[in-house]
Protein backbone atom coordinates (compact mmCIF):
# COMPACT_ATOMS: atom_id res chain seq x y z
CA MET A 1 17.36 -15.48 77.74
CA ASN A 2 18.56 -12.19 78.93
CA ARG A 3 19.02 -10.70 75.43
CA THR A 4 17.74 -11.36 71.95
CA MET A 5 20.17 -13.18 69.37
CA PRO A 6 19.58 -12.96 65.70
CA GLU A 7 17.09 -15.49 64.63
CA TRP A 8 19.11 -16.57 61.63
CA LEU A 9 21.83 -18.16 64.03
CA LYS A 10 19.58 -20.91 64.98
CA ASP A 11 19.87 -22.80 61.53
CA ALA A 12 23.28 -21.45 60.83
CA VAL A 13 26.12 -23.71 59.57
CA PHE A 14 29.53 -21.69 58.90
CA TYR A 15 32.02 -22.41 56.32
CA GLU A 16 35.58 -21.00 56.82
CA ILE A 17 37.60 -19.68 53.95
CA TYR A 18 41.14 -19.16 54.03
CA PRO A 19 41.12 -16.61 51.23
CA GLN A 20 44.59 -16.96 49.86
CA SER A 21 44.10 -20.74 49.45
CA TYR A 22 40.55 -21.08 48.04
CA GLN A 23 40.27 -20.01 44.43
CA ASP A 24 42.51 -17.80 42.30
CA SER A 25 40.68 -15.88 39.53
CA ASN A 26 43.62 -14.07 37.83
CA GLY A 27 46.39 -16.54 37.73
CA ASP A 28 48.85 -15.05 40.20
CA GLY A 29 48.80 -18.07 42.39
CA ILE A 30 46.89 -16.34 45.31
CA GLY A 31 43.31 -16.87 46.04
CA ASP A 32 40.99 -13.72 45.82
CA ILE A 33 37.57 -12.42 46.24
CA PRO A 34 36.46 -12.78 42.71
CA GLY A 35 37.38 -16.48 42.89
CA MET A 36 35.55 -16.94 46.12
CA THR A 37 32.60 -15.27 44.75
CA SER A 38 32.51 -17.96 41.84
CA ARG A 39 32.36 -20.63 44.34
CA LEU A 40 29.57 -19.47 46.37
CA PRO A 41 26.87 -21.91 44.89
CA TYR A 42 29.21 -24.79 45.80
CA ILE A 43 29.31 -23.65 49.39
CA LYS A 44 25.43 -23.42 49.36
CA SER A 45 25.16 -26.74 47.98
CA LEU A 46 26.87 -28.26 51.04
CA GLY A 47 24.39 -26.99 53.32
CA CYS A 48 26.47 -24.17 54.49
CA ASN A 49 24.52 -20.93 54.85
CA ALA A 50 26.96 -18.53 56.48
CA ILE A 51 30.60 -17.89 55.81
CA TRP A 52 33.73 -16.96 57.89
CA LEU A 53 36.61 -15.28 55.97
CA ASN A 54 40.00 -15.12 57.38
CA PRO A 55 41.49 -11.54 57.39
CA LEU A 56 41.23 -9.79 54.03
CA PHE A 57 42.45 -6.49 55.17
CA ASP A 58 45.78 -4.59 54.05
CA SER A 59 48.73 -6.06 55.79
CA PRO A 60 52.46 -6.97 55.46
CA PHE A 61 51.39 -10.52 55.87
CA LYS A 62 53.93 -11.53 58.69
CA ASP A 63 51.29 -13.25 60.13
CA ALA A 64 48.95 -14.10 57.40
CA GLY A 65 46.81 -11.02 57.62
CA TYR A 66 46.59 -11.01 61.43
CA ASP A 67 48.83 -8.11 61.42
CA VAL A 68 46.52 -5.53 60.05
CA ARG A 69 47.84 -2.36 58.52
CA ASP A 70 44.61 -0.81 57.48
CA TYR A 71 41.41 -2.11 58.92
CA LYS A 72 39.05 -0.55 56.17
CA LYS A 73 41.16 -1.53 53.10
CA VAL A 74 40.94 -4.96 51.38
CA ALA A 75 44.55 -5.90 50.63
CA PRO A 76 45.22 -5.73 46.93
CA ARG A 77 46.21 -9.14 46.41
CA TYR A 78 42.68 -10.20 47.02
CA GLY A 79 40.96 -7.39 45.10
CA THR A 80 39.19 -4.24 46.16
CA ASN A 81 36.60 -3.12 48.59
CA GLU A 82 34.25 -3.19 45.94
CA ASP A 83 34.90 -6.93 45.13
CA LEU A 84 34.26 -7.59 48.87
CA TYR A 85 30.99 -5.45 48.78
CA HIS A 86 29.98 -7.65 45.69
CA PHE A 87 30.78 -10.59 47.66
CA PHE A 88 28.40 -9.76 50.37
CA ASP A 89 25.67 -8.91 47.81
CA GLU A 90 26.02 -12.38 45.94
CA ALA A 91 26.05 -14.37 49.42
CA HIS A 92 22.95 -12.53 50.55
CA LYS A 93 21.23 -13.32 47.11
CA LEU A 94 21.87 -16.98 48.01
CA GLY A 95 20.36 -16.67 51.50
CA MET A 96 23.96 -16.58 53.16
CA HIS A 97 25.66 -14.47 55.81
CA VAL A 98 29.23 -13.44 55.68
CA PHE A 99 31.40 -12.90 58.70
CA LEU A 100 34.85 -11.10 58.50
CA ASP A 101 37.73 -11.53 60.83
CA LEU A 102 38.06 -8.85 63.57
CA VAL A 103 41.64 -8.53 65.08
CA PRO A 104 41.04 -6.12 68.10
CA GLY A 105 44.12 -7.01 70.34
CA HIS A 106 46.84 -5.70 67.99
CA THR A 107 47.74 -4.32 64.74
CA SER A 108 50.82 -4.53 62.42
CA GLU A 109 53.85 -2.49 63.40
CA GLU A 110 53.33 -0.68 59.94
CA HIS A 111 49.70 0.37 60.88
CA PRO A 112 49.59 4.26 60.77
CA TRP A 113 48.32 4.40 64.39
CA PHE A 114 51.51 2.61 65.66
CA LEU A 115 53.83 4.67 63.52
CA GLU A 116 52.45 7.87 65.19
CA SER A 117 52.38 6.19 68.62
CA GLY A 118 56.09 5.61 68.26
CA LYS A 119 56.94 9.29 67.73
CA ALA A 120 58.67 11.29 70.55
CA ALA A 121 56.36 14.25 70.14
CA ARG A 122 52.97 13.58 71.96
CA ASN A 123 49.92 13.12 69.64
CA GLU A 124 46.37 11.63 69.72
CA TYR A 125 47.72 8.03 69.10
CA SER A 126 50.70 8.10 71.63
CA ASP A 127 48.69 5.87 74.07
CA ARG A 128 46.82 4.08 71.56
CA TYR A 129 49.32 1.11 72.36
CA ILE A 130 50.71 -0.13 75.72
CA TRP A 131 54.10 1.86 76.48
CA THR A 132 56.38 2.16 79.33
CA ASP A 133 57.56 5.53 80.44
CA PHE A 134 61.26 4.88 80.01
CA TRP A 135 63.52 2.74 77.57
CA LEU A 136 64.81 0.72 80.24
CA TYR A 137 61.72 -0.32 81.93
CA GLY A 138 60.02 -3.40 80.58
CA ILE A 139 56.54 -4.78 80.99
CA PRO A 140 56.47 -7.50 83.95
CA ASN A 141 55.03 -10.82 82.80
CA HIS A 142 54.55 -9.63 79.08
CA PRO A 143 56.69 -9.76 75.90
CA TYR A 144 57.95 -6.19 74.97
CA ILE A 145 60.01 -4.48 72.30
CA GLY A 146 62.41 -1.71 72.82
CA GLY A 147 65.04 0.17 70.59
CA GLU A 148 62.67 0.51 67.55
CA CYS A 149 61.04 3.87 68.14
CA GLU A 150 62.22 7.24 68.85
CA ARG A 151 59.96 7.76 71.91
CA ASN A 152 61.41 7.12 75.36
CA GLY A 153 60.01 3.57 76.19
CA VAL A 154 59.23 0.08 75.30
CA TYR A 155 56.07 -1.40 74.05
CA MET A 156 54.29 -4.59 74.71
CA LEU A 157 53.38 -7.12 72.37
CA ASN A 158 50.09 -9.00 71.98
CA PHE A 159 51.49 -12.09 69.99
CA PHE A 160 54.23 -11.94 67.40
CA LYS A 161 57.00 -9.19 67.29
CA CYS A 162 55.08 -7.57 64.45
CA GLN A 163 51.93 -7.27 66.56
CA PRO A 164 51.98 -4.31 69.23
CA ALA A 165 49.25 -4.66 71.63
CA LEU A 166 46.44 -2.20 71.58
CA ASN A 167 45.76 -0.18 74.74
CA TYR A 168 42.43 -1.28 76.44
CA GLY A 169 43.92 -0.59 79.88
CA PHE A 170 44.87 -2.74 82.81
CA ALA A 171 42.48 -4.30 85.35
CA LYS A 172 45.26 -3.97 88.08
CA ILE A 173 47.35 -0.91 88.15
CA ASP A 174 51.16 -1.06 89.64
CA TYR A 175 52.98 1.47 87.51
CA PRO A 176 52.23 4.90 86.65
CA TRP A 177 52.27 4.37 82.87
CA GLN A 178 49.47 1.98 83.19
CA GLN A 179 45.95 3.09 82.38
CA ARG A 180 42.53 1.83 83.62
CA PRO A 181 39.97 0.52 81.00
CA GLU A 182 37.78 3.64 81.70
CA ASP A 183 40.53 6.15 80.94
CA PRO A 184 40.55 8.42 77.90
CA ASP A 185 42.91 6.56 75.65
CA PRO A 186 41.69 3.01 76.12
CA MET A 187 38.22 4.22 75.68
CA ALA A 188 39.53 5.81 72.39
CA THR A 189 40.80 2.50 71.38
CA ARG A 190 37.47 1.01 72.12
CA GLU A 191 35.81 3.52 69.93
CA ALA A 192 38.24 3.03 67.09
CA MET A 193 37.51 -0.57 67.07
CA ARG A 194 33.77 0.07 67.09
CA ASP A 195 34.12 2.31 64.15
CA VAL A 196 35.85 -0.53 62.29
CA CYS A 197 33.02 -2.89 62.75
CA ARG A 198 30.48 -0.06 62.06
CA PHE A 199 32.20 0.59 58.59
CA TRP A 200 31.92 -3.07 57.37
CA LEU A 201 28.51 -3.67 58.86
CA GLY A 202 27.47 -0.55 57.01
CA HIS A 203 28.75 -2.36 53.77
CA GLY A 204 26.93 -5.57 54.05
CA CYS A 205 29.05 -7.63 56.66
CA ASP A 206 26.79 -9.77 58.99
CA GLY A 207 29.13 -10.06 61.89
CA PHE A 208 32.70 -10.91 62.97
CA ARG A 209 34.70 -13.67 64.21
CA VAL A 210 36.87 -12.01 66.86
CA ASP A 211 40.51 -12.93 67.13
CA MET A 212 42.03 -13.51 70.62
CA ALA A 213 38.86 -11.91 72.07
CA ASP A 214 40.05 -12.45 75.55
CA SER A 215 43.36 -10.37 74.99
CA LEU A 216 42.04 -6.95 75.46
CA VAL A 217 42.48 -5.60 79.17
CA LYS A 218 45.87 -6.79 80.65
CA GLU A 219 46.21 -8.26 84.16
CA ASP A 220 42.72 -9.09 84.08
CA GLU A 221 42.28 -12.16 86.20
CA GLY A 222 38.78 -13.90 85.34
CA LYS A 223 38.61 -11.58 82.31
CA LYS A 224 35.84 -9.39 83.90
CA LYS A 225 37.04 -6.11 82.52
CA THR A 226 37.47 -7.44 79.24
CA GLY A 227 34.03 -8.77 79.35
CA GLU A 228 32.71 -5.29 80.27
CA VAL A 229 34.57 -3.79 77.27
CA TRP A 230 33.02 -6.18 74.79
CA GLN A 231 29.51 -5.55 76.52
CA ASP A 232 30.06 -2.05 75.59
CA ILE A 233 31.36 -2.35 72.11
CA LEU A 234 28.73 -5.03 71.14
CA GLY A 235 25.71 -3.51 73.11
CA SER A 236 25.99 -0.42 71.00
CA LEU A 237 26.58 -2.14 67.70
CA ARG A 238 23.58 -4.26 68.30
CA LYS A 239 21.29 -1.32 68.60
CA GLU A 240 22.56 -0.15 65.28
CA PHE A 241 22.85 -3.51 63.42
CA PRO A 242 20.15 -5.77 65.28
CA GLN A 243 20.92 -8.80 62.87
CA ALA A 244 24.63 -8.78 63.34
CA ALA A 245 26.22 -11.58 65.27
CA PHE A 246 29.54 -12.26 66.87
CA VAL A 247 31.74 -15.32 67.69
CA SER A 248 34.73 -15.18 69.98
CA GLU A 249 38.03 -17.02 69.82
CA TRP A 250 37.85 -17.46 73.63
CA SER A 251 37.14 -21.12 74.37
CA ASN A 252 35.47 -20.10 77.78
CA PRO A 253 31.62 -19.85 77.28
CA ALA A 254 31.10 -18.62 80.84
CA GLN A 255 33.37 -15.76 80.18
CA SER A 256 32.49 -15.12 76.59
CA LEU A 257 28.71 -15.74 76.45
CA LEU A 258 27.84 -14.63 79.86
CA GLY A 259 30.61 -12.09 80.86
CA ALA A 260 31.26 -10.44 77.43
CA SER A 261 27.71 -11.08 75.45
CA PHE A 262 29.00 -13.05 72.62
CA ASP A 263 26.56 -14.82 70.38
CA MET A 264 28.93 -17.80 70.01
CA ASP A 265 32.05 -19.04 71.45
CA PHE A 266 34.49 -21.56 69.75
CA TYR A 267 35.25 -24.93 71.37
CA LEU A 268 38.85 -24.65 70.48
CA ASP A 269 41.34 -27.48 70.29
CA HIS A 270 43.37 -27.20 73.53
CA PRO A 271 45.26 -30.17 74.67
CA GLY A 272 43.25 -32.49 77.01
CA ASN A 273 39.94 -30.37 76.78
CA GLY A 274 36.62 -32.17 75.82
CA TYR A 275 37.06 -31.25 72.16
CA ASN A 276 40.64 -32.64 71.80
CA THR A 277 39.61 -35.78 73.27
CA LEU A 278 37.24 -36.47 70.54
CA VAL A 279 39.29 -35.98 67.36
CA ARG A 280 42.94 -34.78 68.29
CA ASP A 281 44.03 -36.67 71.34
CA TYR A 282 47.25 -37.88 69.89
CA GLU A 283 49.62 -35.63 71.94
CA THR A 284 49.72 -38.01 74.97
CA LYS A 285 51.96 -40.92 75.37
CA GLY A 286 50.89 -44.14 73.90
CA GLY A 287 49.45 -42.98 70.71
CA ASP A 288 46.07 -41.62 69.60
CA HIS A 289 43.26 -41.94 72.20
CA SER A 290 40.68 -39.70 70.45
CA TYR A 291 37.11 -40.85 70.92
CA PHE A 292 36.61 -41.30 67.17
CA ALA A 293 39.78 -43.38 66.45
CA LYS A 294 38.53 -46.77 66.06
CA ASP A 295 39.40 -49.10 69.11
CA ARG A 296 42.00 -46.97 70.46
CA GLY A 297 40.62 -46.57 74.04
CA GLY A 298 38.95 -43.27 73.52
CA ASP A 299 36.23 -42.47 76.19
CA ILE A 300 33.20 -40.28 75.65
CA GLU A 301 33.15 -39.49 79.58
CA ARG A 302 36.10 -37.35 79.02
CA PHE A 303 34.45 -35.25 76.53
CA LEU A 304 31.21 -35.04 78.51
CA ALA A 305 32.98 -34.07 81.75
CA ASP A 306 34.42 -30.92 80.03
CA TYR A 307 31.40 -30.07 77.83
CA LEU A 308 28.36 -30.62 80.04
CA PRO A 309 29.22 -28.05 82.65
CA LYS A 310 30.02 -25.42 79.97
CA TYR A 311 26.72 -26.25 78.16
CA GLU A 312 24.69 -26.34 81.17
CA LYS A 313 25.93 -22.94 82.51
CA THR A 314 25.45 -21.08 79.27
CA ALA A 315 22.36 -22.89 77.57
CA GLY A 316 20.03 -20.20 76.46
CA GLU A 317 22.46 -17.57 76.66
CA GLY A 318 24.60 -18.20 73.49
CA TYR A 319 26.03 -21.04 71.47
CA ILE A 320 29.14 -23.28 71.83
CA SER A 321 30.35 -23.68 68.43
CA PHE A 322 32.15 -26.92 67.35
CA LEU A 323 34.44 -26.87 64.25
CA THR A 324 35.76 -29.62 62.08
CA GLY A 325 39.15 -27.72 62.14
CA ASN A 326 40.43 -24.23 61.40
CA HIS A 327 43.58 -22.40 59.99
CA ASP A 328 45.49 -23.05 63.31
CA THR A 329 44.91 -26.70 63.91
CA PRO A 330 46.12 -29.88 62.01
CA ARG A 331 43.25 -30.99 59.74
CA ILE A 332 40.88 -33.56 61.31
CA SER A 333 42.06 -36.05 58.62
CA TYR A 334 45.69 -36.09 60.13
CA HIS A 335 44.93 -38.97 62.51
CA LEU A 336 41.45 -40.09 61.47
CA ASP A 337 40.42 -42.03 58.32
CA ARG A 338 37.43 -41.09 56.36
CA ARG A 339 34.87 -43.34 58.32
CA GLU A 340 36.10 -42.05 61.56
CA THR A 341 35.92 -38.32 60.31
CA ALA A 342 32.33 -39.00 59.08
CA LEU A 343 31.23 -40.09 62.43
CA ALA A 344 32.97 -37.08 64.06
CA TYR A 345 31.03 -34.75 61.66
CA ALA A 346 27.86 -36.72 62.61
CA LEU A 347 28.31 -35.58 66.09
CA PHE A 348 29.22 -31.99 65.38
CA ALA A 349 26.24 -31.73 63.10
CA THR A 350 23.94 -32.62 65.69
CA LEU A 351 25.07 -31.10 69.04
CA PRO A 352 23.59 -27.92 70.13
CA GLY A 353 25.25 -24.80 69.00
CA VAL A 354 26.31 -23.30 65.58
CA PRO A 355 28.89 -25.69 63.71
CA PHE A 356 31.74 -24.61 61.62
CA LEU A 357 33.08 -26.58 58.66
CA TYR A 358 36.78 -25.62 57.67
CA TYR A 359 37.21 -25.42 53.77
CA GLY A 360 38.51 -28.70 52.45
CA ASP A 361 37.40 -30.77 55.33
CA GLU A 362 34.37 -31.63 53.54
CA ILE A 363 36.67 -33.83 51.13
CA GLY A 364 39.16 -35.04 53.62
CA MET A 365 41.99 -32.65 52.61
CA ARG A 366 45.19 -33.80 54.34
CA TYR A 367 47.44 -31.91 56.72
CA GLN A 368 50.81 -31.51 55.24
CA SER A 369 53.23 -31.63 58.09
CA GLU A 370 56.38 -31.43 56.14
CA LEU A 371 55.73 -27.86 54.67
CA PRO A 372 58.11 -24.98 55.77
CA THR A 373 56.42 -21.94 57.40
CA LYS A 374 54.55 -19.50 55.21
CA GLU A 375 53.60 -16.12 56.51
CA GLY A 376 53.98 -16.92 60.11
CA GLY A 377 51.96 -20.16 59.75
CA TYR A 378 54.83 -22.42 61.31
CA THR A 379 52.98 -25.82 61.91
CA ARG A 380 49.90 -24.33 61.13
CA THR A 381 51.04 -23.95 57.46
CA GLY A 382 50.05 -27.64 56.47
CA SER A 383 46.37 -26.89 57.16
CA ARG A 384 46.33 -23.94 54.69
CA THR A 385 46.93 -25.51 51.16
CA PRO A 386 45.09 -24.76 48.10
CA MET A 387 41.54 -26.11 47.85
CA GLN A 388 41.40 -29.14 45.67
CA TRP A 389 38.59 -28.77 43.14
CA SER A 390 39.68 -31.12 40.44
CA ALA A 391 42.29 -33.51 39.00
CA GLY A 392 43.39 -30.72 36.56
CA LYS A 393 46.17 -28.37 36.72
CA ASN A 394 47.07 -27.08 40.28
CA ALA A 395 43.83 -29.10 41.48
CA GLY A 396 41.57 -26.40 39.90
CA PHE A 397 42.87 -23.78 42.24
CA SER A 398 44.78 -21.54 39.85
CA ASP A 399 45.53 -21.24 36.05
CA GLY A 400 49.00 -19.83 37.05
CA ASP A 401 52.39 -21.26 37.12
CA GLU A 402 52.93 -23.99 39.86
CA LYS A 403 55.93 -22.16 41.09
CA ASP A 404 53.89 -19.05 41.78
CA LEU A 405 51.30 -20.92 44.08
CA TYR A 406 50.74 -19.37 47.59
CA LEU A 407 51.44 -22.89 48.73
CA PRO A 408 51.95 -26.11 47.09
CA VAL A 409 48.89 -28.29 46.23
CA ASP A 410 48.94 -31.59 48.06
CA ALA A 411 50.35 -34.59 46.01
CA ASP A 412 46.88 -36.50 46.53
CA TYR A 413 44.77 -33.92 44.75
CA GLU A 414 44.20 -36.29 41.71
CA LYS A 415 42.19 -38.55 43.92
CA VAL A 416 41.14 -36.33 46.76
CA ASN A 417 39.12 -33.46 44.98
CA VAL A 418 35.63 -32.07 44.77
CA ALA A 419 34.84 -33.17 41.33
CA ALA A 420 35.80 -36.98 42.18
CA GLU A 421 33.71 -36.99 45.37
CA GLU A 422 30.87 -35.25 43.55
CA ALA A 423 30.82 -38.38 41.32
CA ASP A 424 31.01 -40.73 44.36
CA PRO A 425 27.80 -41.19 46.24
CA GLY A 426 29.63 -42.64 49.28
CA SER A 427 32.08 -40.06 49.52
CA LEU A 428 32.81 -37.81 52.52
CA LEU A 429 31.44 -34.99 50.63
CA HIS A 430 28.01 -36.51 50.15
CA THR A 431 28.04 -37.52 53.86
CA VAL A 432 28.54 -33.85 54.82
CA ARG A 433 25.68 -32.85 52.66
CA ASP A 434 23.52 -35.44 54.13
CA LEU A 435 24.31 -34.46 57.55
CA LEU A 436 23.60 -30.74 57.07
CA ALA A 437 20.39 -31.46 55.18
CA LEU A 438 19.35 -33.61 58.30
CA ARG A 439 20.24 -30.69 60.60
CA HIS A 440 18.34 -28.30 58.56
CA GLY A 441 15.42 -30.43 58.08
CA GLU A 442 14.96 -31.07 61.83
CA LYS A 443 14.48 -27.83 64.02
CA GLU A 444 15.34 -30.08 67.18
CA LEU A 445 18.73 -30.48 65.81
CA GLN A 446 19.45 -26.87 65.34
CA ALA A 447 21.35 -24.46 67.60
CA ASP A 448 18.79 -23.94 70.38
CA GLY A 449 17.20 -27.32 70.58
CA SER A 450 17.28 -29.14 73.81
CA PHE A 451 20.18 -31.81 74.77
CA ALA A 452 20.12 -34.65 77.08
CA VAL A 453 22.55 -37.65 77.55
CA VAL A 454 20.58 -40.94 77.47
CA TYR A 455 23.66 -43.33 77.67
CA GLU A 456 27.30 -43.21 78.31
CA LYS A 457 29.56 -45.43 80.38
CA LYS A 458 33.23 -45.30 81.11
CA GLU A 459 35.17 -47.54 78.59
CA ASP A 460 32.09 -48.22 76.60
CA PRO A 461 32.24 -46.56 73.19
CA LEU A 462 28.57 -46.23 72.81
CA PHE A 463 27.09 -42.87 73.16
CA VAL A 464 23.23 -42.10 72.98
CA TYR A 465 21.71 -38.75 73.50
CA ARG A 466 18.57 -36.96 72.75
CA ARG A 467 17.66 -33.65 70.91
CA GLY A 468 13.91 -33.18 71.59
CA GLY A 469 12.10 -36.05 69.90
CA ILE A 470 15.21 -37.33 68.03
CA LEU A 471 17.57 -39.97 69.43
CA LEU A 472 20.95 -40.14 68.17
CA ALA A 473 23.50 -42.89 68.60
CA LEU A 474 27.19 -43.30 67.98
CA ASN A 475 29.32 -46.34 67.92
CA PRO A 476 32.92 -45.53 66.93
CA SER A 477 34.15 -48.97 67.81
CA GLY A 478 35.03 -52.01 65.50
CA GLU A 479 32.19 -53.92 67.28
CA GLU A 480 28.40 -53.89 67.13
CA LYS A 481 26.54 -52.36 70.07
CA THR A 482 23.09 -52.92 71.39
CA LEU A 483 21.08 -49.80 72.34
CA PRO A 484 19.71 -49.44 75.70
CA ALA A 485 16.34 -51.30 76.44
CA GLY A 486 13.39 -49.01 75.36
CA THR A 487 15.30 -47.23 72.72
CA ASP A 488 13.43 -47.22 69.57
CA GLY A 489 12.30 -45.12 66.79
CA THR A 490 11.95 -44.48 62.98
CA PRO A 491 15.34 -44.09 61.35
CA LEU A 492 15.92 -40.69 59.92
CA TYR A 493 19.49 -41.11 58.65
CA THR A 494 22.19 -43.59 59.11
CA ILE A 495 26.04 -44.11 58.68
CA GLY A 496 26.79 -47.80 58.70
CA THR A 497 24.04 -50.09 59.81
CA LEU A 498 21.06 -50.34 62.28
CA THR A 499 19.41 -53.54 62.86
CA LYS A 500 16.74 -55.02 65.15
CA GLN A 501 17.76 -58.19 66.93
CA ASP A 502 15.59 -59.80 69.64
CA GLY A 503 13.47 -56.59 70.01
CA ASN A 504 16.48 -54.45 70.57
CA LEU A 505 18.21 -51.85 68.06
CA VAL A 506 21.63 -52.94 67.25
CA LEU A 507 24.03 -50.28 65.83
CA GLY A 508 26.91 -51.87 63.72
CA PRO A 509 30.61 -51.12 63.93
CA GLN A 510 31.50 -47.63 63.12
CA SER A 511 27.83 -46.53 62.77
CA PHE A 512 25.72 -43.53 63.49
CA ALA A 513 22.01 -43.29 63.63
CA ALA A 514 19.34 -40.43 64.12
CA LEU A 515 15.88 -41.72 64.88
CA ARG A 516 12.53 -40.12 65.46
CA SER A 517 11.35 -41.69 68.70
């Protein structure tokens, strides 16, 4: 390994919290930091020892907080900065680490930097964002906005209309108004983002999930210049905070881990990629062909063809992070039933890298596809509904009036909630706890353990792989499968059945087994 990553990442399992939907402590219908703090023991009980908080910073909330108005101030609806510092402290007492969500590529159009940037008179923020030099000149191949500021130019967007792009420069210069990444203004933007990170790391934050991490330098084919920017930012932060860690929303580990020196990179749900073929392959014609959808024609080779080259190229240089879901994707339960979901979790919990569990996925919360958009959520809104804690009022999320809730509680909350699943030893919640306990208890199953494919065959659902001295076998089909000859060991954990017939191990329908070989 060319650099040393924080030791704690090897055994880390993250839990993602959407703050406005997790736990309301004051009855206003919106989740908040004191509410999250009260649930830390529950998160710890799952086997999660790290937390990723979606944006908590001051914002107009046109994109649910991904439009930041003040990077150093907690949004009042969640509490105060002191509340967040207390959250860090309480998590640390439980042996947990906490990531904040950094949005480096853009701000809100209401951010003071942008308001100054839009003024006609030159000032230190004039080139903090990307502007052309004339009001009729657009930005080729990029969305832009004109007619809203007094300065003579138009500005580039990084995503929504409310999110002007910060200036990290252009890798390819074609116009006089473009700047290089090494020019003074892009360097000032870089330093401003480093300053934001220093502020929160100095108050107890343990690292960041970085939103749209590949979006910094424009016209950057291959993302080489963007990688250089991150190497500079992260390199200096690591000298000051050697235990801090960083995960990128990039989904290209060769670029993010090798080129940009991130510790982790998300394996995101992009149509047709390896992760998508496992649990969300329902966008193609002919129905759902996800590997874990029972007897739907899923194929583990499609996953491996995409995953293995990425893993082999980056092994030892950072971690590929599998996630059960996140605030941007339909919940895993949208097309998978509970047994199918449990088997998917078994794979995610036993692959190399650092896994992420999305709040509510541990109890199989549903994706509410019928919900209208909220704070720029659009089709993502249905994955952001209130956490279902109990069969009581508002699912235990809030004591406030139902009409004031951030989003409506799903109608199935009286059946699907934490309290009900705690009482059922066979529940998905208990399966999650068992799988994470297995991972924590066996070092070979943790982030940096070895990985080798033992058996896979096109159109055969059986998948057998090895992590050191542990053999793992998955059978998502409705038929029993005989493991390859010579496969044997002492069972450590099973979902479903594992039997011995005529000297061979047989994995029952929709089953998983971990064996010490």
